[in-house]
Protein backbone atom coordinates (compact mmCIF):
# COMPACT_ATOMS: atom_id res chain seq x y z
CA MET A 1 0.00 0.00 0.00
CA ALA A 2 1.34 3.46 -0.89
CA TYR A 3 0.98 6.39 1.51
CA PRO A 4 0.62 9.93 0.08
CA ALA A 5 3.61 11.98 1.16
CA HIS A 6 1.44 15.04 1.83
CA ASP A 7 -0.84 13.21 4.30
CA ILE A 8 1.62 13.52 7.20
CA ASP A 9 -0.85 13.05 10.08
CA GLY A 10 -2.52 10.19 8.28
CA TRP A 11 0.51 8.02 7.73
CA PHE A 12 2.06 8.82 11.12
CA ALA A 13 -1.14 7.59 12.73
CA THR A 14 -1.10 4.54 10.47
CA LEU A 15 2.46 3.79 11.54
CA GLU A 16 1.48 3.88 15.21
CA GLU A 17 -1.46 1.57 14.62
CA ALA A 18 0.64 -0.80 12.54
CA PHE A 19 3.14 -1.27 15.36
CA GLU A 20 0.48 -1.84 18.05
CA GLY A 21 0.43 -5.49 19.05
CA LYS A 22 3.22 -6.42 16.68
CA LEU A 23 6.06 -5.97 19.14
CA SER A 24 6.87 -8.25 22.04
CA ASP A 25 6.22 -7.28 25.64
CA ASP A 26 9.59 -5.60 26.13
CA HIS A 27 8.91 -3.12 23.34
CA THR A 28 7.04 0.16 23.56
CA LEU A 29 6.29 2.62 20.80
CA ILE A 30 5.85 6.28 21.68
CA ARG A 31 5.33 9.21 19.35
CA VAL A 32 7.99 11.87 20.05
CA PHE A 33 9.33 15.13 18.67
CA GLY A 34 5.98 16.46 17.49
CA GLY A 35 5.24 13.43 15.36
CA GLN A 36 8.73 13.20 13.83
CA GLY A 37 9.93 10.00 15.39
CA TRP A 38 9.35 6.98 17.57
CA ARG A 39 10.97 5.64 20.72
CA VAL A 40 11.39 1.87 20.77
CA ARG A 41 12.66 -0.28 23.63
CA THR A 42 14.28 -3.42 22.26
CA MET A 43 16.79 -5.90 23.67
CA GLY A 44 17.32 -3.64 26.67
CA VAL A 45 18.32 -0.68 24.48
CA GLY A 46 16.37 2.54 23.97
CA LEU A 47 16.14 3.41 20.27
CA LEU A 48 14.95 6.57 18.59
CA VAL A 49 13.75 6.26 15.02
CA LEU A 50 13.74 9.79 13.62
CA ALA A 51 12.39 11.12 10.35
CA ASP A 52 13.76 14.42 9.05
CA LYS A 53 11.83 17.08 7.17
CA ASP A 54 12.50 15.33 3.84
CA PHE A 55 10.92 12.03 4.94
CA PRO A 56 9.63 9.86 3.23
CA TYR A 57 12.08 10.98 0.52
CA SER A 58 14.89 10.28 2.98
CA LYS A 59 15.41 7.20 5.07
CA PRO A 60 14.64 7.25 8.81
CA GLN A 61 17.72 7.39 11.04
CA THR A 62 18.05 5.13 14.06
CA PHE A 63 19.80 6.23 17.25
CA ILE A 64 20.67 4.71 20.61
CA GLU A 65 19.44 7.08 23.32
CA SER A 66 22.12 6.33 25.89
CA TYR A 67 25.42 4.99 24.55
CA ASP A 68 28.51 4.20 26.60
CA ARG A 69 31.52 5.30 24.51
CA ALA A 70 33.79 3.29 26.81
CA ARG A 71 32.09 0.11 25.59
CA PRO A 72 32.13 0.54 21.79
CA ARG A 73 30.02 -1.61 19.54
CA PRO A 74 30.45 -2.15 15.80
CA HIS A 75 28.46 -0.04 13.33
CA ILE A 76 27.42 2.40 16.05
CA GLU A 77 28.65 5.98 15.75
CA PRO A 78 28.72 8.22 18.83
CA ILE A 79 27.67 11.83 18.28
CA PRO A 80 29.29 14.11 20.88
CA THR A 81 27.12 17.08 19.89
CA LEU A 82 24.03 15.08 20.89
CA GLY A 83 25.26 14.03 24.32
CA ASP A 84 25.03 10.29 24.92
CA MET A 85 23.24 9.55 21.66
CA ALA A 86 24.82 7.37 18.98
CA ARG A 87 23.69 6.67 15.42
CA ILE A 88 23.32 3.10 14.22
CA CYS A 89 24.85 2.81 10.75
CA LEU A 90 22.30 0.86 8.73
CA THR A 91 21.94 0.14 5.03
CA THR A 92 18.14 0.34 5.14
CA PRO A 93 16.91 1.69 1.79
CA THR A 94 14.82 4.79 1.24
CA ILE A 95 11.20 3.82 0.41
CA PRO A 96 9.26 6.97 -0.60
CA ALA A 97 6.19 4.98 -1.69
CA ASN A 98 5.80 3.24 1.68
CA PRO A 99 6.97 5.19 4.74
CA LEU A 100 5.53 2.54 7.07
CA LEU A 101 7.78 -0.10 5.52
CA ALA A 102 10.75 2.28 5.77
CA VAL A 103 10.30 2.69 9.54
CA GLN A 104 9.59 -1.00 10.08
CA SER A 105 12.73 -1.87 8.12
CA ALA A 106 14.83 0.53 10.20
CA VAL A 107 13.63 -1.03 13.46
CA ARG A 108 14.13 -4.56 12.10
CA ASP A 109 17.64 -3.83 10.83
CA ALA A 110 18.60 -2.16 14.12
CA ARG A 111 17.46 -5.21 16.09
CA GLN A 112 19.39 -7.56 13.84
CA LEU A 113 22.55 -5.49 14.22
CA LEU A 114 22.25 -5.26 18.00
CA LYS A 115 21.83 -9.03 18.17
CA ALA A 116 24.85 -9.60 15.93
CA ASN A 117 26.89 -7.25 18.13
CA GLU A 118 25.89 -9.16 21.26
CA ASN A 119 27.10 -12.38 19.62
CA GLY A 120 30.38 -10.78 18.54
CA ASP A 121 29.60 -11.42 14.87
CA GLU A 122 30.61 -7.90 13.82
CA ASP A 123 33.74 -7.39 15.93
CA ASP A 124 36.00 -7.60 12.88
CA ASP A 125 34.46 -4.36 11.65
CA PHE A 126 36.59 -2.42 14.14
CA GLU A 127 39.61 -3.41 12.04
CA ARG A 128 37.92 -3.47 8.62
CA ASP A 129 36.85 0.15 8.97
CA PHE A 130 39.50 1.37 11.39
CA GLY A 131 39.76 4.86 9.86
CA SER A 132 36.04 5.55 10.27
CA TYR A 133 36.04 4.50 13.91
CA TRP A 134 39.03 6.74 14.53
CA SER A 135 37.10 9.77 13.27
CA GLN A 136 33.94 8.77 15.15
CA TYR A 137 35.67 8.54 18.53
CA LEU A 138 37.58 11.82 18.35
CA PRO A 139 37.18 14.21 21.29
CA GLN A 140 35.44 17.49 20.55
CA GLY A 141 37.81 20.21 19.42
CA SER A 142 40.44 17.82 18.05
CA ARG A 143 43.07 19.39 15.85
CA ALA A 144 43.66 18.02 12.37
CA ALA A 145 46.25 16.05 10.42
CA ARG A 146 46.25 16.04 6.64
CA LEU A 147 48.31 13.26 5.07
CA CYS A 148 49.49 13.10 1.46
CA GLY A 149 51.68 10.64 -0.43
CA LEU A 150 52.25 8.36 2.54
CA SER A 151 50.63 5.23 1.12
CA GLY A 152 54.04 3.69 0.42
CA THR A 153 55.45 4.52 3.87
CA VAL A 154 54.65 1.75 6.34
CA GLN A 155 57.23 2.91 8.84
CA GLY A 156 59.99 5.50 8.84
CA THR A 157 59.93 9.28 8.81
CA GLY A 158 58.28 12.09 6.90
CA THR A 159 58.15 15.88 6.95
CA TYR A 160 55.38 18.21 8.13
CA PHE A 161 54.50 21.80 8.74
CA TYR A 162 52.02 23.11 11.29
CA THR A 163 49.62 25.95 10.54
CA THR A 164 48.34 28.60 12.90
CA ASN A 165 44.82 27.19 12.65
CA GLY A 166 45.93 23.87 14.15
CA VAL A 167 46.51 21.63 11.12
CA TYR A 168 49.47 19.30 10.56
CA TYR A 169 50.31 18.74 6.88
CA CYS A 170 52.32 15.53 6.62
CA PHE A 171 54.24 14.31 3.55
CA PRO A 172 56.84 11.60 2.88
CA ASP A 173 59.64 14.09 2.13
CA LYS A 174 60.49 17.77 1.83
CA ALA A 175 60.16 17.83 -1.94
CA SER A 176 56.57 16.58 -2.00
CA LEU A 177 55.53 18.92 0.83
CA LYS A 178 57.06 21.97 -0.85
CA ARG A 179 55.59 21.00 -4.22
CA TYR A 180 52.08 20.63 -2.80
CA SER A 181 52.18 23.94 -0.92
CA ARG A 182 53.57 25.76 -3.95
CA HIS A 183 50.92 24.35 -6.28
CA LEU A 184 47.90 24.88 -4.03
CA TRP A 185 48.76 27.96 -1.99
CA GLY A 186 51.66 29.54 -3.83
CA THR A 187 53.75 29.42 -0.66
CA PHE A 188 57.24 28.11 -0.01
CA ILE A 189 57.89 26.00 3.10
CA ARG A 190 61.51 26.67 3.94
CA ASP A 191 62.26 24.32 6.85
CA PRO A 192 59.65 21.60 7.42
CA ASN A 193 59.96 19.36 10.46
CA ARG A 194 60.29 15.58 10.72
CA PHE A 195 57.76 13.14 12.17
CA PRO A 196 57.72 9.35 12.66
CA VAL A 197 55.51 6.82 10.89
CA VAL A 198 54.98 3.89 13.27
CA GLU A 199 53.67 0.53 12.08
CA MET A 200 50.94 -1.15 14.12
CA GLN A 201 51.10 -4.94 14.14
CA HIS A 202 47.48 -5.01 15.34
CA LEU A 203 44.75 -2.37 15.17
CA PRO A 204 43.24 -1.46 18.58
CA ARG A 205 39.55 -1.17 19.36
CA PRO A 206 38.15 2.36 19.84
CA ASP A 207 38.29 2.10 23.64
CA ARG A 208 42.07 1.60 23.32
CA PHE A 209 42.80 4.47 20.96
CA PRO A 210 45.55 6.69 22.48
CA ARG A 211 43.67 9.63 23.99
CA ASP A 212 46.27 10.63 26.59
CA THR A 213 49.95 10.04 27.26
CA GLU A 214 49.54 6.87 29.29
CA MET A 215 47.35 5.32 26.60
CA MET A 216 49.88 6.46 23.99
CA ILE A 217 52.72 4.64 25.77
CA THR A 218 50.55 1.54 26.17
CA ALA A 219 49.58 1.60 22.48
CA LEU A 220 53.22 1.91 21.41
CA LYS A 221 54.25 -1.01 23.61
CA ARG A 222 51.32 -3.27 22.77
CA TYR A 223 50.64 -2.60 19.10
CA ALA A 224 53.80 -1.06 17.61
CA PRO A 225 57.09 -2.81 18.39
CA GLY A 226 59.90 -0.31 17.90
CA GLY A 227 57.45 2.59 17.96
CA LEU A 228 58.34 3.67 21.48
CA HIS A 229 61.96 4.22 20.50
CA ALA A 230 61.08 5.94 17.19
CA VAL A 231 58.91 8.49 19.01
CA GLY A 232 61.31 8.92 21.92
CA GLU A 233 64.22 9.53 19.57
CA MET A 234 62.45 12.47 17.93
CA LEU A 235 61.25 13.92 21.23
CA ARG A 236 64.79 14.01 22.57
CA ALA A 237 65.41 16.78 20.02
CA CYS A 238 63.03 18.89 22.18
CA PRO A 239 60.31 19.85 19.65
CA LYS A 240 57.36 21.84 21.03
CA ARG A 241 54.97 19.54 19.18
CA LEU A 242 55.19 16.36 17.14
CA PRO A 243 52.63 14.49 15.04
CA VAL A 244 52.94 10.70 15.08
CA VAL A 245 51.37 8.75 12.24
CA PHE A 246 50.25 5.19 12.99
CA SER A 247 50.24 2.83 10.00
CA GLY A 248 48.37 -0.46 9.85
CA ALA A 249 46.26 -2.78 7.73
CA GLY A 250 42.88 -4.40 8.21
CA PRO A 251 42.11 -8.11 7.81
CA ASP A 252 41.53 -7.64 4.07
CA GLY A 253 44.86 -5.86 3.62
CA ARG A 254 43.30 -2.42 3.38
CA PRO A 255 45.85 0.12 4.67
CA PHE A 256 45.05 2.73 7.30
CA LYS A 257 46.91 5.72 8.65
CA VAL A 258 45.84 7.84 11.60
CA ALA A 259 47.69 10.48 13.59
CA VAL A 260 48.10 11.77 17.12
CA GLU A 261 49.92 14.85 18.35
CA LEU A 262 52.31 15.24 21.25
CA VAL A 263 52.53 18.78 22.67
CA VAL A 264 55.11 19.58 25.34
CA LYS A 265 53.72 20.30 28.80
CA THR A 266 54.47 23.78 30.14
CA ASP A 267 54.14 25.63 33.44
CA ARG A 268 52.25 28.87 33.98
CA LYS A 269 55.07 30.84 32.41
CA GLY A 270 55.11 28.64 29.30
CA ARG A 271 58.31 26.82 30.27
CA PRO A 272 58.84 23.11 29.49
CA PRO A 273 59.21 20.60 32.36
CA VAL A 274 62.97 20.09 31.94
CA LYS A 275 65.90 21.79 30.27
CA ALA A 276 66.78 20.78 26.73
CA HIS A 277 70.10 19.24 27.68
CA LEU A 278 68.35 17.04 30.25
CA GLN A 279 65.50 16.08 27.92
CA SER A 280 67.99 14.81 25.36
CA LYS A 281 69.23 12.24 27.87
CA LEU A 282 65.89 10.79 29.02
CA SER A 283 64.66 7.31 28.16
CA ASP A 284 61.98 6.80 25.54
CA GLU A 285 59.18 6.47 28.05
CA GLU A 286 60.40 9.31 30.25
CA VAL A 287 60.62 11.78 27.39
CA ILE A 288 57.15 10.87 26.09
CA LYS A 289 55.72 11.65 29.55
CA LEU A 290 56.84 15.26 29.12
CA TYR A 291 54.15 15.66 26.41
CA GLU A 292 50.37 15.79 26.29
CA THR A 293 48.84 13.37 23.77
CA SER A 294 45.70 13.93 21.70
CA PRO A 295 44.26 12.11 18.67
CA LEU A 296 44.04 14.11 15.46
CA ASP A 297 41.23 14.34 12.92
CA THR A 298 43.10 12.48 10.17
CA ARG A 299 42.23 12.85 6.51
CA HIS A 300 44.07 12.05 3.30
CA LEU A 301 44.71 14.82 0.81
CA ASP A 302 45.28 12.24 -1.92
CA ALA A 303 42.14 10.23 -1.11
CA ALA A 304 40.93 10.63 -4.72
CA LEU A 305 43.59 8.11 -5.78
CA THR A 306 41.39 5.38 -4.33
CA ARG A 307 38.78 6.17 -7.00
CA LEU A 308 41.14 5.45 -9.89
CA PRO A 309 40.55 2.24 -11.89
CA VAL A 310 44.31 1.83 -12.46
CA ARG A 311 45.85 3.30 -9.32
CA ALA A 312 49.26 1.88 -10.24
CA LEU A 313 49.67 4.59 -12.89
CA ALA A 314 50.12 7.19 -10.15
CA ALA A 315 52.63 5.03 -8.30
CA ILE A 316 54.95 4.27 -11.22
CA ARG A 317 55.42 7.93 -12.21
CA LYS A 318 54.69 7.78 -15.94
CA LYS A 319 55.79 10.74 -18.05
CA VAL A 320 53.80 11.93 -21.07
CA VAL A 321 54.81 14.66 -23.53
CA VAL A 322 51.79 16.48 -25.01
CA VAL A 323 52.59 18.45 -28.16
CA GLY A 324 49.76 20.84 -28.95
CA CYS A 325 47.66 22.13 -26.05
CA GLY A 326 44.62 23.51 -27.78
CA ALA A 327 41.09 22.25 -27.18
CA LEU A 328 42.05 18.65 -27.88
CA GLY A 329 45.48 18.46 -26.27
CA SER A 330 44.55 20.40 -23.13
CA GLY A 331 41.68 18.03 -22.40
CA ILE A 332 43.86 14.98 -22.97
CA ALA A 333 46.45 16.37 -20.55
CA MET A 334 43.77 17.05 -17.93
CA MET A 335 42.25 13.58 -18.29
CA LEU A 336 45.63 11.85 -18.03
CA SER A 337 46.62 13.82 -14.96
CA LYS A 338 43.34 12.95 -13.25
CA ALA A 339 43.91 9.32 -14.21
CA GLY A 340 47.18 9.32 -12.26
CA ILE A 341 49.88 10.36 -14.73
CA ALA A 342 52.45 12.00 -12.46
CA ARG A 343 54.61 13.92 -14.95
CA LEU A 344 53.62 15.96 -17.98
CA VAL A 345 55.50 18.05 -20.53
CA LEU A 346 53.32 20.56 -22.39
CA ILE A 347 54.37 22.20 -25.68
CA ASP A 348 52.41 24.87 -27.57
CA PRO A 349 53.42 28.28 -28.96
CA GLU A 350 50.01 29.99 -28.84
CA ALA A 351 48.27 32.20 -26.30
CA LEU A 352 44.66 31.69 -25.25
CA ASP A 353 42.17 33.99 -26.97
CA TRP A 354 38.46 34.64 -26.65
CA GLU A 355 37.50 32.22 -29.41
CA ASN A 356 39.13 29.38 -27.43
CA ILE A 357 37.32 29.55 -24.10
CA ARG A 358 34.29 27.38 -24.89
CA ARG A 359 36.38 24.40 -25.97
CA HIS A 360 39.63 24.77 -24.03
CA GLU A 361 40.24 23.41 -20.52
CA VAL A 362 41.01 26.92 -19.23
CA GLY A 363 38.73 29.91 -19.55
CA ALA A 364 38.43 33.68 -19.73
CA GLU A 365 40.66 34.33 -16.71
CA TYR A 366 43.61 33.14 -18.81
CA VAL A 367 42.93 35.03 -22.04
CA GLY A 368 46.22 36.50 -23.25
CA VAL A 369 48.27 33.90 -21.37
CA ALA A 370 50.25 31.17 -23.15
CA LYS A 371 48.05 28.09 -23.33
CA VAL A 372 50.69 25.83 -21.80
CA LEU A 373 51.30 28.19 -18.88
CA ALA A 374 47.57 28.51 -18.22
CA LEU A 375 47.12 24.76 -18.41
CA LYS A 376 50.11 24.15 -16.14
CA ALA A 377 48.61 26.49 -13.53
CA ARG A 378 45.21 24.80 -13.77
CA LEU A 379 46.70 21.30 -13.44
CA GLU A 380 48.88 22.18 -10.46
CA ARG A 381 46.10 23.92 -8.57
CA SER A 382 43.48 21.27 -9.38
CA LEU A 383 45.82 18.36 -8.54
CA PRO A 384 48.47 19.80 -6.20
CA GLU A 385 50.08 16.42 -5.57
CA ILE A 386 50.99 16.08 -9.26
CA GLU A 387 54.73 15.56 -9.41
CA GLU A 388 55.83 17.63 -12.38
CA VAL A 389 54.33 19.82 -15.10
CA VAL A 390 56.85 21.40 -17.48
CA ALA A 391 55.57 23.94 -19.98
CA PHE A 392 57.27 25.19 -23.17
CA ASP A 393 55.46 28.12 -24.78
CA CYS A 394 57.19 27.69 -28.11
CA SER A 395 57.01 25.48 -31.17
CA VAL A 396 57.82 21.81 -30.88
CA GLN A 397 60.85 22.34 -33.10
CA THR A 398 62.24 25.00 -30.76
CA ALA A 399 61.50 22.94 -27.65
CA PHE A 400 63.21 19.80 -28.95
CA GLU A 401 66.21 21.71 -30.27
CA ALA A 402 66.68 23.67 -27.02
CA HIS A 403 66.25 20.54 -24.90
CA PRO A 404 67.75 17.53 -26.72
CA ASP A 405 67.05 15.28 -23.72
CA LEU A 406 63.38 16.23 -23.49
CA LEU A 407 62.25 12.74 -24.53
CA ALA A 408 64.96 10.87 -22.60
CA ASP A 409 62.72 9.45 -19.87
CA ALA A 410 59.32 9.87 -21.54
CA ASP A 411 56.91 6.93 -21.71
CA LEU A 412 54.66 8.37 -24.43
CA VAL A 413 54.38 11.32 -26.80
CA ILE A 414 50.96 12.62 -27.83
CA ALA A 415 50.83 14.90 -30.88
CA ALA A 416 47.58 16.89 -30.87
CA THR A 417 48.74 19.79 -33.01
CA GLY A 418 46.36 19.49 -35.93
CA ASP A 419 49.31 20.73 -37.98
CA TRP A 420 50.87 18.50 -40.67
CA ALA A 421 54.39 19.93 -40.44
CA SER A 422 54.53 19.73 -36.65
CA ASP A 423 53.30 16.14 -36.63
CA VAL A 424 55.90 15.14 -39.23
CA PHE A 425 58.60 16.78 -37.11
CA VAL A 426 57.42 14.74 -34.09
CA SER A 427 57.41 11.58 -36.21
CA ASP A 428 60.98 12.20 -37.37
CA ALA A 429 62.14 13.01 -33.82
CA VAL A 430 60.75 9.87 -32.19
CA ARG A 431 62.07 7.65 -35.01
CA LYS A 432 65.61 8.71 -34.12
CA ARG A 433 65.34 7.30 -30.61
CA GLU A 434 66.31 3.78 -29.66
CA PRO A 435 64.28 2.09 -28.47
CA ARG A 436 61.47 3.74 -30.42
CA LEU A 437 59.13 5.85 -28.32
CA PRO A 438 55.39 5.08 -28.60
CA THR A 439 53.50 8.04 -30.04
CA ILE A 440 49.82 8.86 -30.40
CA TYR A 441 48.78 11.23 -33.18
CA THR A 442 45.29 12.64 -32.79
CA TRP A 443 43.25 15.15 -34.79
CA THR A 444 39.66 15.99 -35.68
CA GLU A 445 38.06 16.24 -39.09
CA ALA A 446 35.97 19.27 -40.05
CA PHE A 447 33.11 20.01 -37.62
CA ALA A 448 34.41 17.16 -35.41
CA LEU A 449 32.49 14.63 -37.49
CA ALA A 450 35.33 12.22 -36.80
CA THR A 451 38.37 12.15 -34.52
CA HIS A 452 41.34 9.86 -35.06
CA ALA A 453 43.83 8.58 -32.51
CA VAL A 454 46.70 6.57 -33.96
CA LEU A 455 49.13 4.75 -31.67
CA LEU A 456 52.39 3.90 -33.40
CA SER A 457 55.00 1.91 -31.55
CA GLY A 458 57.69 2.87 -34.05
CA ALA A 459 58.42 -0.76 -34.89
CA LYS A 460 56.24 -0.99 -38.01
CA GLY A 461 53.94 1.71 -39.33
CA GLN A 462 54.99 5.31 -39.84
CA PHE A 463 52.72 8.30 -39.41
CA THR A 464 53.42 9.73 -42.85
CA GLU A 465 52.14 6.56 -44.57
CA GLY A 466 48.57 7.79 -44.04
CA PHE A 467 49.06 11.09 -45.92
CA ASP A 468 50.13 12.40 -49.26
CA ILE A 469 53.14 14.69 -49.60
CA VAL A 470 51.19 17.84 -48.66
CA GLY A 471 49.40 16.30 -45.69
CA SER A 472 46.04 15.27 -47.13
CA PHE A 473 44.75 12.33 -45.12
CA LYS A 474 44.14 9.15 -47.12
CA GLY A 475 41.73 7.67 -44.60
CA LYS A 476 39.30 10.54 -44.22
CA ALA A 477 35.97 9.45 -42.77
CA SER A 478 33.68 12.41 -43.47
CA LEU A 479 32.80 15.08 -46.01
CA ALA A 480 30.79 18.23 -45.26
CA ASP A 481 29.17 20.78 -47.58
CA ARG A 482 28.69 23.44 -44.89
CA LYS A 483 31.33 26.15 -45.14
CA ALA A 484 33.78 26.67 -42.30
CA PRO A 485 34.16 30.21 -40.88
CA PRO A 486 36.33 32.49 -43.07
CA GLU A 487 39.37 32.52 -40.83
CA CYS A 488 42.95 32.96 -41.98
CA GLY A 489 44.26 29.74 -43.44
CA ASP A 490 40.89 27.99 -42.96
CA THR A 491 42.48 25.94 -40.17
CA THR A 492 39.59 25.73 -37.69
CA SER A 493 36.04 24.46 -37.71
CA PRO A 494 33.11 24.99 -35.35
CA PHE A 495 32.22 22.25 -32.90
CA GLY A 496 31.27 22.27 -29.25
CA ALA A 497 32.47 21.10 -25.86
CA VAL A 498 30.54 17.83 -26.11
CA GLU A 499 32.26 16.84 -29.34
CA VAL A 500 35.68 17.86 -28.07
CA SER A 501 35.22 15.91 -24.83
CA GLN A 502 34.46 12.75 -26.80
CA SER A 503 37.53 13.39 -28.93
CA GLN A 504 39.69 13.96 -25.85
CA ALA A 505 38.44 10.75 -24.26
CA LEU A 506 39.26 8.75 -27.41
CA ALA A 507 42.96 9.66 -27.29
CA ALA A 508 43.20 9.61 -23.47
CA ARG A 509 41.71 6.10 -23.31
CA LEU A 510 44.18 4.85 -25.92
CA ALA A 511 47.04 6.43 -23.95
CA LEU A 512 45.92 4.76 -20.72
CA ASP A 513 45.62 1.42 -22.47
CA LEU A 514 49.22 1.73 -23.58
CA LEU A 515 50.58 3.02 -20.26
CA GLY A 516 48.63 0.37 -18.38
CA GLY A 517 50.36 -2.37 -20.36
CA ARG A 518 47.55 -3.42 -22.69
CA TYR A 519 49.57 -2.69 -25.82
CA GLY A 520 53.22 -3.37 -26.54
CA GLY A 521 54.83 -3.03 -29.96
CA VAL A 522 51.38 -2.82 -31.59
CA ASP A 523 50.01 -0.13 -33.93
CA VAL A 524 46.39 0.86 -33.26
CA TRP A 525 44.12 3.27 -35.18
CA ARG A 526 40.94 4.24 -33.34
CA THR A 527 38.30 6.60 -34.66
CA TRP A 528 35.30 8.20 -33.04
CA THR A 529 32.51 9.12 -35.45
CA ALA A 530 29.79 11.61 -34.56
CA GLU A 531 26.04 11.07 -34.38
CA GLN A 532 23.94 11.11 -37.53
CA SER A 533 22.22 14.29 -36.30
CA THR A 534 25.59 16.09 -36.18
CA LEU A 535 26.36 14.86 -39.68
CA ASP A 536 22.99 16.16 -40.91
CA ASP A 537 23.50 19.58 -39.26
CA VAL A 538 26.55 20.28 -41.41
CA GLU A 539 25.16 18.68 -44.58
CA GLY A 540 27.74 15.93 -44.23
CA ARG A 541 28.17 12.35 -45.37
CA TRP A 542 30.55 9.46 -44.75
CA SER A 543 33.23 8.91 -47.35
CA ASP A 544 33.20 5.92 -49.68
CA TYR A 545 36.62 4.94 -48.30
CA TRP A 546 35.27 4.85 -44.77
CA ILE A 547 32.15 2.88 -45.54
CA GLY A 548 34.21 0.43 -47.58
CA SER A 549 36.86 -0.10 -44.88
CA ARG A 550 34.98 0.31 -41.60
CA GLY A 551 31.33 0.11 -42.61
CA GLN A 552 28.45 2.51 -41.93
CA PRO A 553 29.06 4.37 -38.62
CA PRO A 554 26.37 3.90 -35.96
CA ALA A 555 23.59 6.47 -35.91
CA LEU A 556 24.34 7.46 -32.29
CA GLY A 557 28.06 7.72 -32.84
CA GLY A 558 30.76 5.36 -31.64
CA ILE A 559 34.33 4.11 -31.78
CA SER A 560 35.84 1.72 -34.29
CA GLU A 561 39.35 0.33 -34.56
CA GLY A 562 41.52 -0.62 -37.51
CA THR A 563 45.10 -1.09 -38.63
CA TRP A 564 47.33 1.74 -39.84
CA THR A 565 47.82 0.43 -43.36
CA PHE A 566 47.09 2.10 -46.70
């Protein structure tokens, strides 16, 4: 039965009636909060089932009225701002068409979870989701730690700087910290400090998280062999404060990192407990006792890496040279950087102008700026952990001649110039290298009716085989009767951001396939063809060559693949 969302009093009354007589003797159902929730007593626990103002288009939330944080239970999240209340984390679905069923499901799921907790069936969740429990059990007013690039550091040291608003920024080394701060804030960190990364052999339950100095010492002894000495060694240098990052892994191998801070105790005049020369001679445990310990709100600045389908690309530091950073090349560079490519070289001699801003990755704020410099700034600010972006605002010929080693450690070259002479120069340059450097040549046909991306390994096919001596393409897919705008040289054609994004994705996907190891020593020619409606808009048609070699393109557009032979 469906309940009209607007009949609030009606379906709240129906809910109350539905529960009457359907709960055992130790359950009571009471309407609370002006008709916005229900109090249920079940299994000796007082539950509140609350519906917010969006209900039934949101799911009801279930809370424990009185929760003892000292006796943590899995899937239950304490909420300090609500006193002793704690939220039960349930996966109950939203059911707009049946609010009664939504509330019944919330109560049922809460009972099942409480029973599982009593039996110990969910205890492993403390380790499986260690990072979430850490954030849930933080004291109010906790300062923050922001970690970046530490996934490969199980134990050892890193560098950090501390801001006036109480945030520790922690990185594996000085170079990565300085790079991040320069990209995102335009600041230079001159002398960052060191901190220890301590490996936990076992992950503690929330009631054993280090919340004070005694618990910190116990945690180091019990869970982190060698950690006591690593922390003590750094404290003997007499820092005023020190973040300590704990590293561990859950039962499924999922890594976790959380942080605490140690702040030196001081007297009323702000003086430390002992003189520096005495502190340097104390034992590990004695020197730790000179500091106050507090857990930190720990978050990962590079958390977006976990969303990548091929995370390894970011770890193995691939380098891609993009020649031509117009609408097509700029989008390819942006896509590759977001996919995890750590190092980019950008080459383009032109400045951004007003006609570029609806197709280019950067907009009006960069008009008059060299395209590569604008793109470099956008990449570094959008992805501050990116390792290196080098920009040459000159022709590819000038860049290669001025920097003969530019391709020395490159993994791939992408030529997106749309210029025959420049592409031939790139082809000649990469052919001189041994071993041959894989290269992708990509360009659009008039009105973006088709975009080609050709991957040549250098072992077989050559780029120039597909063109005549003056650069006319032998494998052209489309013909259009609509006239292009009367611009100098007739070198551009109108098409929009949708078409250019599909063209960018074609080349970027081919690049990722290569860099991810799907192709080796193979030549690949992929083509995206536009929708029939786009073809009709420009009075276009598919060429006889294309229909004869690849067949009739699909009416809704699509990608086909062939061999680079003519």
